[in-house]
Amino acid sequence: MQFSKFVAIGLLNTAIDFGVLNLLMWLADIYKGKWLFLLNAVSFTAALINSYLWNKLWTFKDKSTRDVPVEFSRFLLISIIGAIINSSIIYFITTYITPYYGLSEQIWANLAKVLATGFSLIWNFLGYKFIVFNTKK
């Protein structure tokens, strides 16, 4: 059940992440390279804030407030590593692999984002479950 809630929140976070990323790509007219890494980090961070609140209160039912600064620091560390994993995959695919089948750079960046999201999803769930919201600490 916990993983199902995590996935549901993940879908919301993914919508926020993709929405912000596509808005930023459209506004900046950037679809590859080092600046895409930065835009992706910004969109990932927007979803991060949403993720912390929903995962803390609903997925892992951690109502404690005594160690919130420590807990949030752990959450942030796990999420930053997840963001690095996510952004690195996007950067590598969009920079070093030519889009297949005549896909536009924007669609290619979104396909790279889908793959990157899968890898960071696994990392984040395990990190949140066993490191951040581990109620057996």
N, C-alpha and C. Protein backbone atom coordinates (compact mmCIF):
# COMPACT_ATOMS: atom_id res chain seq x y z
N MET A 1 0.82 -1.20 0.00
CA MET A 1 0.00 0.00 0.00
C MET A 1 0.86 1.26 0.00
N GLN A 2 1.95 1.19 0.77
CA GLN A 2 2.86 2.33 0.85
C GLN A 2 3.43 2.67 -0.53
N PHE A 3 3.84 1.65 -1.25
CA PHE A 3 4.41 1.89 -2.57
C PHE A 3 3.36 2.46 -3.52
N SER A 4 2.11 2.00 -3.40
CA SER A 4 1.02 2.53 -4.24
C SER A 4 0.81 4.01 -3.97
N LYS A 5 0.83 4.41 -2.72
CA LYS A 5 0.70 5.83 -2.37
C LYS A 5 1.89 6.61 -2.93
N PHE A 6 3.08 6.02 -2.78
CA PHE A 6 4.29 6.66 -3.29
C PHE A 6 4.18 6.88 -4.80
N VAL A 7 3.67 5.89 -5.50
CA VAL A 7 3.52 6.01 -6.95
C VAL A 7 2.49 7.09 -7.29
N ALA A 8 1.36 7.13 -6.54
CA ALA A 8 0.35 8.16 -6.80
C ALA A 8 0.92 9.56 -6.60
N ILE A 9 1.65 9.73 -5.51
CA ILE A 9 2.30 11.03 -5.27
C ILE A 9 3.35 11.27 -6.35
N GLY A 10 4.02 10.22 -6.73
CA GLY A 10 5.02 10.34 -7.79
C GLY A 10 4.41 10.81 -9.10
N LEU A 11 3.21 10.35 -9.40
CA LEU A 11 2.53 10.81 -10.62
C LEU A 11 2.24 12.31 -10.55
N LEU A 12 1.77 12.76 -9.39
CA LEU A 12 1.53 14.19 -9.21
C LEU A 12 2.84 14.96 -9.33
N ASN A 13 3.88 14.46 -8.65
CA ASN A 13 5.19 15.12 -8.72
C ASN A 13 5.72 15.14 -10.15
N THR A 14 5.50 14.04 -10.86
CA THR A 14 5.96 13.96 -12.25
C THR A 14 5.23 14.98 -13.11
N ALA A 15 3.93 15.14 -12.88
CA ALA A 15 3.17 16.15 -13.63
C ALA A 15 3.72 17.55 -13.35
N ILE A 16 4.01 17.82 -12.09
CA ILE A 16 4.59 19.12 -11.74
C ILE A 16 5.96 19.26 -12.39
N ASP A 17 6.79 18.22 -12.28
CA ASP A 17 8.14 18.23 -12.83
C ASP A 17 8.12 18.45 -14.34
N PHE A 18 7.33 17.64 -15.06
CA PHE A 18 7.24 17.76 -16.51
C PHE A 18 6.64 19.11 -16.91
N GLY A 19 5.62 19.55 -16.20
CA GLY A 19 4.97 20.82 -16.52
C GLY A 19 5.92 21.99 -16.39
N VAL A 20 6.63 22.04 -15.27
CA VAL A 20 7.59 23.13 -15.06
C VAL A 20 8.72 23.04 -16.07
N LEU A 21 9.25 21.81 -16.30
CA LEU A 21 10.34 21.65 -17.26
C LEU A 21 9.92 22.11 -18.65
N ASN A 22 8.77 21.69 -19.12
CA ASN A 22 8.32 22.08 -20.45
C ASN A 22 8.06 23.58 -20.55
N LEU A 23 7.52 24.15 -19.50
CA LEU A 23 7.32 25.60 -19.49
C LEU A 23 8.66 26.33 -19.59
N LEU A 24 9.63 25.89 -18.79
CA LEU A 24 10.95 26.52 -18.82
C LEU A 24 11.65 26.31 -20.16
N MET A 25 11.55 25.09 -20.73
CA MET A 25 12.16 24.84 -22.05
C MET A 25 11.53 25.75 -23.10
N TRP A 26 10.20 25.88 -23.04
CA TRP A 26 9.50 26.71 -24.02
C TRP A 26 9.88 28.18 -23.85
N LEU A 27 9.90 28.66 -22.60
CA LEU A 27 10.24 30.06 -22.34
C LEU A 27 11.67 30.38 -22.74
N ALA A 28 12.60 29.46 -22.45
CA ALA A 28 14.02 29.71 -22.72
C ALA A 28 14.47 29.21 -24.09
N ASP A 29 13.62 28.43 -24.76
CA ASP A 29 13.95 27.82 -26.05
C ASP A 29 15.24 26.99 -25.95
N ILE A 30 15.30 26.21 -24.86
CA ILE A 30 16.45 25.34 -24.60
C ILE A 30 15.94 23.90 -24.53
N TYR A 31 16.54 23.02 -25.34
CA TYR A 31 16.10 21.62 -25.39
C TYR A 31 17.24 20.61 -25.25
N LYS A 32 18.48 21.10 -25.01
CA LYS A 32 19.61 20.18 -24.83
C LYS A 32 20.76 20.93 -24.19
N GLY A 33 21.77 20.15 -23.78
CA GLY A 33 23.00 20.74 -23.28
C GLY A 33 22.97 21.10 -21.80
N LYS A 34 23.98 21.84 -21.38
CA LYS A 34 24.17 22.13 -19.96
C LYS A 34 23.05 22.97 -19.36
N TRP A 35 22.43 23.84 -20.14
CA TRP A 35 21.35 24.66 -19.59
C TRP A 35 20.10 23.83 -19.33
N LEU A 36 19.92 22.76 -20.09
CA LEU A 36 18.79 21.86 -19.83
C LEU A 36 18.97 21.19 -18.47
N PHE A 37 20.21 20.89 -18.11
CA PHE A 37 20.52 20.32 -16.79
C PHE A 37 19.99 21.26 -15.70
N LEU A 38 20.24 22.55 -15.85
CA LEU A 38 19.78 23.54 -14.86
C LEU A 38 18.26 23.64 -14.85
N LEU A 39 17.64 23.71 -16.02
CA LEU A 39 16.18 23.79 -16.08
C LEU A 39 15.54 22.56 -15.43
N ASN A 40 16.12 21.41 -15.69
CA ASN A 40 15.60 20.18 -15.10
C ASN A 40 15.75 20.19 -13.58
N ALA A 41 16.84 20.71 -13.08
CA ALA A 41 17.04 20.79 -11.63
C ALA A 41 15.99 21.70 -10.99
N VAL A 42 15.64 22.78 -11.66
CA VAL A 42 14.60 23.68 -11.15
C VAL A 42 13.24 22.98 -11.11
N SER A 43 12.90 22.28 -12.19
CA SER A 43 11.60 21.60 -12.23
C SER A 43 11.55 20.47 -11.20
N PHE A 44 12.66 19.77 -11.04
CA PHE A 44 12.74 18.68 -10.06
C PHE A 44 12.55 19.23 -8.65
N THR A 45 13.10 20.40 -8.37
CA THR A 45 12.98 21.03 -7.06
C THR A 45 11.54 21.43 -6.76
N ALA A 46 10.83 21.92 -7.76
CA ALA A 46 9.42 22.28 -7.56
C ALA A 46 8.62 21.05 -7.13
N ALA A 47 8.88 19.93 -7.76
CA ALA A 47 8.19 18.70 -7.40
C ALA A 47 8.65 18.18 -6.04
N LEU A 48 9.88 18.48 -5.68
CA LEU A 48 10.46 18.03 -4.41
C LEU A 48 9.67 18.55 -3.21
N ILE A 49 9.32 19.79 -3.23
CA ILE A 49 8.59 20.38 -2.11
C ILE A 49 7.23 19.70 -1.95
N ASN A 50 6.54 19.50 -3.05
CA ASN A 50 5.27 18.78 -3.03
C ASN A 50 5.47 17.36 -2.49
N SER A 51 6.52 16.72 -2.94
CA SER A 51 6.81 15.35 -2.55
C SER A 51 7.04 15.19 -1.06
N TYR A 52 7.80 16.08 -0.47
CA TYR A 52 8.10 15.99 0.96
C TYR A 52 6.82 16.00 1.79
N LEU A 53 5.98 16.96 1.53
CA LEU A 53 4.75 17.09 2.33
C LEU A 53 3.84 15.88 2.18
N TRP A 54 3.58 15.45 0.95
CA TRP A 54 2.68 14.32 0.74
C TRP A 54 3.27 13.01 1.26
N ASN A 55 4.56 12.79 1.02
CA ASN A 55 5.17 11.54 1.49
C ASN A 55 5.25 11.49 3.01
N LYS A 56 5.60 12.58 3.63
CA LYS A 56 5.70 12.62 5.08
C LYS A 56 4.34 12.33 5.72
N LEU A 57 3.32 13.02 5.28
CA LEU A 57 2.03 12.96 5.95
C LEU A 57 1.13 11.82 5.49
N TRP A 58 1.24 11.41 4.23
CA TRP A 58 0.31 10.42 3.72
C TRP A 58 0.97 9.06 3.47
N THR A 59 2.04 9.03 2.69
CA THR A 59 2.66 7.74 2.35
C THR A 59 3.26 7.05 3.56
N PHE A 60 4.12 7.76 4.28
CA PHE A 60 4.85 7.15 5.38
C PHE A 60 4.25 7.50 6.75
N LYS A 61 3.18 8.30 6.75
CA LYS A 61 2.43 8.65 7.96
C LYS A 61 3.33 9.06 9.12
N ASP A 62 4.26 9.92 8.81
CA ASP A 62 5.19 10.42 9.82
C ASP A 62 4.67 11.76 10.31
N LYS A 63 3.96 11.73 11.43
CA LYS A 63 3.35 12.95 11.97
C LYS A 63 4.27 13.66 12.96
N SER A 64 5.43 13.09 13.25
CA SER A 64 6.33 13.68 14.23
C SER A 64 6.84 15.04 13.74
N THR A 65 7.09 15.90 14.69
CA THR A 65 7.62 17.22 14.37
C THR A 65 8.94 17.49 15.10
N ARG A 66 9.37 16.57 15.94
CA ARG A 66 10.55 16.81 16.76
C ARG A 66 11.84 16.89 15.97
N ASP A 67 11.99 16.12 14.93
CA ASP A 67 13.23 16.10 14.17
C ASP A 67 13.05 16.57 12.73
N VAL A 68 12.12 17.49 12.51
CA VAL A 68 11.83 17.92 11.14
C VAL A 68 13.06 18.48 10.44
N PRO A 69 13.89 19.31 11.08
CA PRO A 69 15.08 19.80 10.35
C PRO A 69 16.02 18.67 9.92
N VAL A 70 16.23 17.69 10.79
CA VAL A 70 17.09 16.55 10.45
C VAL A 70 16.43 15.72 9.36
N GLU A 71 15.14 15.45 9.53
CA GLU A 71 14.40 14.66 8.56
C GLU A 71 14.39 15.34 7.19
N PHE A 72 14.13 16.64 7.17
CA PHE A 72 14.11 17.34 5.90
C PHE A 72 15.50 17.36 5.27
N SER A 73 16.54 17.47 6.08
CA SER A 73 17.91 17.42 5.56
C SER A 73 18.18 16.08 4.89
N ARG A 74 17.74 15.01 5.51
CA ARG A 74 17.89 13.68 4.90
C ARG A 74 17.08 13.58 3.60
N PHE A 75 15.84 14.08 3.66
CA PHE A 75 14.97 14.08 2.49
C PHE A 75 15.65 14.85 1.35
N LEU A 76 16.20 16.00 1.69
CA LEU A 76 16.85 16.84 0.70
C LEU A 76 18.07 16.14 0.12
N LEU A 77 18.87 15.48 0.96
CA LEU A 77 20.05 14.77 0.47
C LEU A 77 19.66 13.64 -0.48
N ILE A 78 18.69 12.82 -0.09
CA ILE A 78 18.23 11.73 -0.96
C ILE A 78 17.69 12.31 -2.26
N SER A 79 16.92 13.39 -2.15
CA SER A 79 16.32 14.01 -3.34
C SER A 79 17.36 14.66 -4.25
N ILE A 80 18.37 15.27 -3.65
CA ILE A 80 19.43 15.87 -4.47
C ILE A 80 20.18 14.79 -5.25
N ILE A 81 20.46 13.68 -4.58
CA ILE A 81 21.10 12.56 -5.29
C ILE A 81 20.17 12.08 -6.40
N GLY A 82 18.87 12.00 -6.11
CA GLY A 82 17.89 11.62 -7.13
C GLY A 82 17.86 12.62 -8.28
N ALA A 83 17.96 13.90 -7.95
CA ALA A 83 17.98 14.94 -9.00
C ALA A 83 19.22 14.84 -9.86
N ILE A 84 20.36 14.52 -9.23
CA ILE A 84 21.60 14.36 -9.98
C ILE A 84 21.49 13.15 -10.92
N ILE A 85 20.94 12.06 -10.40
CA ILE A 85 20.72 10.87 -11.24
C ILE A 85 19.81 11.25 -12.41
N ASN A 86 18.69 11.90 -12.09
CA ASN A 86 17.69 12.29 -13.09
C ASN A 86 18.29 13.23 -14.14
N SER A 87 18.92 14.30 -13.69
CA SER A 87 19.47 15.30 -14.61
C SER A 87 20.62 14.74 -15.44
N SER A 88 21.44 13.88 -14.84
CA SER A 88 22.57 13.30 -15.56
C SER A 88 22.10 12.41 -16.70
N ILE A 89 21.06 11.65 -16.46
CA ILE A 89 20.52 10.79 -17.51
C ILE A 89 19.96 11.64 -18.65
N ILE A 90 19.21 12.67 -18.30
CA ILE A 90 18.66 13.58 -19.32
C ILE A 90 19.79 14.25 -20.11
N TYR A 91 20.77 14.75 -19.39
CA TYR A 91 21.89 15.42 -20.05
C TYR A 91 22.59 14.48 -21.03
N PHE A 92 22.90 13.28 -20.56
CA PHE A 92 23.61 12.32 -21.40
C PHE A 92 22.81 11.98 -22.66
N ILE A 93 21.54 11.65 -22.49
CA ILE A 93 20.73 11.24 -23.64
C ILE A 93 20.55 12.38 -24.63
N THR A 94 20.21 13.58 -24.13
CA THR A 94 19.93 14.69 -25.05
C THR A 94 21.19 15.27 -25.68
N THR A 95 22.34 15.07 -25.03
CA THR A 95 23.58 15.64 -25.55
C THR A 95 24.35 14.67 -26.43
N TYR A 96 24.32 13.38 -26.09
CA TYR A 96 25.17 12.41 -26.78
C TYR A 96 24.44 11.41 -27.67
N ILE A 97 23.12 11.38 -27.59
CA ILE A 97 22.38 10.44 -28.42
C ILE A 97 21.44 11.25 -29.33
N THR A 98 21.62 11.07 -30.62
CA THR A 98 20.79 11.78 -31.60
C THR A 98 19.36 11.23 -31.54
N PRO A 99 18.37 12.12 -31.60
CA PRO A 99 16.98 11.66 -31.57
C PRO A 99 16.70 10.67 -32.71
N TYR A 100 16.03 9.58 -32.36
CA TYR A 100 15.66 8.55 -33.33
C TYR A 100 14.37 8.90 -34.05
N TYR A 101 14.16 8.30 -35.20
CA TYR A 101 12.91 8.36 -35.95
C TYR A 101 12.46 9.78 -36.26
N GLY A 102 13.39 10.71 -36.36
CA GLY A 102 13.05 12.08 -36.69
C GLY A 102 12.30 12.83 -35.60
N LEU A 103 12.41 12.37 -34.37
CA LEU A 103 11.73 13.05 -33.26
C LEU A 103 12.32 14.43 -33.04
N SER A 104 11.48 15.37 -32.62
CA SER A 104 11.97 16.71 -32.31
C SER A 104 12.82 16.66 -31.04
N GLU A 105 13.62 17.69 -30.85
CA GLU A 105 14.45 17.75 -29.65
C GLU A 105 13.60 17.78 -28.38
N GLN A 106 12.46 18.44 -28.45
CA GLN A 106 11.58 18.52 -27.28
C GLN A 106 11.01 17.15 -26.92
N ILE A 107 10.54 16.42 -27.91
CA ILE A 107 10.01 15.07 -27.64
C ILE A 107 11.13 14.17 -27.14
N TRP A 108 12.33 14.29 -27.74
CA TRP A 108 13.47 13.49 -27.31
C TRP A 108 13.82 13.79 -25.84
N ALA A 109 13.79 15.08 -25.48
CA ALA A 109 14.08 15.46 -24.09
C ALA A 109 13.04 14.87 -23.14
N ASN A 110 11.79 14.83 -23.58
CA ASN A 110 10.74 14.25 -22.74
C ASN A 110 10.88 12.73 -22.61
N LEU A 111 11.28 12.06 -23.67
CA LEU A 111 11.52 10.62 -23.59
C LEU A 111 12.70 10.33 -22.65
N ALA A 112 13.72 11.17 -22.74
CA ALA A 112 14.87 11.03 -21.82
C ALA A 112 14.40 11.23 -20.38
N LYS A 113 13.51 12.17 -20.19
CA LYS A 113 12.97 12.46 -18.86
C LYS A 113 12.20 11.26 -18.32
N VAL A 114 11.45 10.58 -19.17
CA VAL A 114 10.71 9.39 -18.73
C VAL A 114 11.68 8.33 -18.20
N LEU A 115 12.73 8.05 -18.94
CA LEU A 115 13.72 7.07 -18.51
C LEU A 115 14.39 7.52 -17.20
N ALA A 116 14.77 8.78 -17.14
CA ALA A 116 15.43 9.32 -15.96
C ALA A 116 14.52 9.24 -14.73
N THR A 117 13.25 9.48 -14.93
CA THR A 117 12.28 9.43 -13.84
C THR A 117 12.18 8.02 -13.26
N GLY A 118 12.24 7.02 -14.09
CA GLY A 118 12.19 5.63 -13.61
C GLY A 118 13.35 5.32 -12.68
N PHE A 119 14.55 5.73 -13.06
CA PHE A 119 15.71 5.47 -12.22
C PHE A 119 15.64 6.24 -10.91
N SER A 120 15.27 7.52 -10.98
CA SER A 120 15.22 8.31 -9.74
C SER A 120 14.05 7.88 -8.85
N LEU A 121 12.98 7.34 -9.42
CA LEU A 121 11.84 6.85 -8.64
C LEU A 121 12.29 5.73 -7.69
N ILE A 122 13.04 4.79 -8.22
CA ILE A 122 13.51 3.66 -7.40
C ILE A 122 14.44 4.16 -6.30
N TRP A 123 15.40 5.00 -6.66
CA TRP A 123 16.33 5.55 -5.68
C TRP A 123 15.57 6.29 -4.58
N ASN A 124 14.65 7.17 -4.96
CA ASN A 124 13.94 7.99 -3.97
C ASN A 124 13.08 7.14 -3.04
N PHE A 125 12.34 6.18 -3.57
CA PHE A 125 11.49 5.35 -2.70
C PHE A 125 12.33 4.65 -1.64
N LEU A 126 13.40 4.01 -2.06
CA LEU A 126 14.23 3.28 -1.11
C LEU A 126 14.87 4.22 -0.08
N GLY A 127 15.33 5.35 -0.54
CA GLY A 127 15.93 6.33 0.37
C GLY A 127 14.94 6.90 1.35
N TYR A 128 13.75 7.25 0.89
CA TYR A 128 12.73 7.80 1.79
C TYR A 128 12.27 6.75 2.79
N LYS A 129 12.04 5.54 2.32
CA LYS A 129 11.53 4.48 3.18
C LYS A 129 12.52 4.08 4.27
N PHE A 130 13.78 3.89 3.89
CA PHE A 130 14.75 3.35 4.84
C PHE A 130 15.63 4.38 5.53
N ILE A 131 15.71 5.58 4.99
CA ILE A 131 16.58 6.59 5.57
C ILE A 131 15.80 7.78 6.15
N VAL A 132 14.86 8.31 5.40
CA VAL A 132 14.18 9.53 5.82
C VAL A 132 13.01 9.26 6.77
N PHE A 133 12.06 8.47 6.34
CA PHE A 133 10.83 8.26 7.11
C PHE A 133 10.82 6.91 7.82
N ASN A 134 11.94 6.40 8.16
CA ASN A 134 12.06 5.13 8.85
C ASN A 134 11.60 5.32 10.31
N THR A 135 10.41 4.90 10.61
CA THR A 135 9.85 5.11 11.96
C THR A 135 10.46 4.18 13.00
N LYS A 136 11.31 3.26 12.57
CA LYS A 136 11.96 2.33 13.51
C LYS A 136 13.34 2.82 13.90
N LYS A 137 13.65 4.11 13.64
CA LYS A 137 14.96 4.66 13.96
C LYS A 137 15.19 4.61 15.46
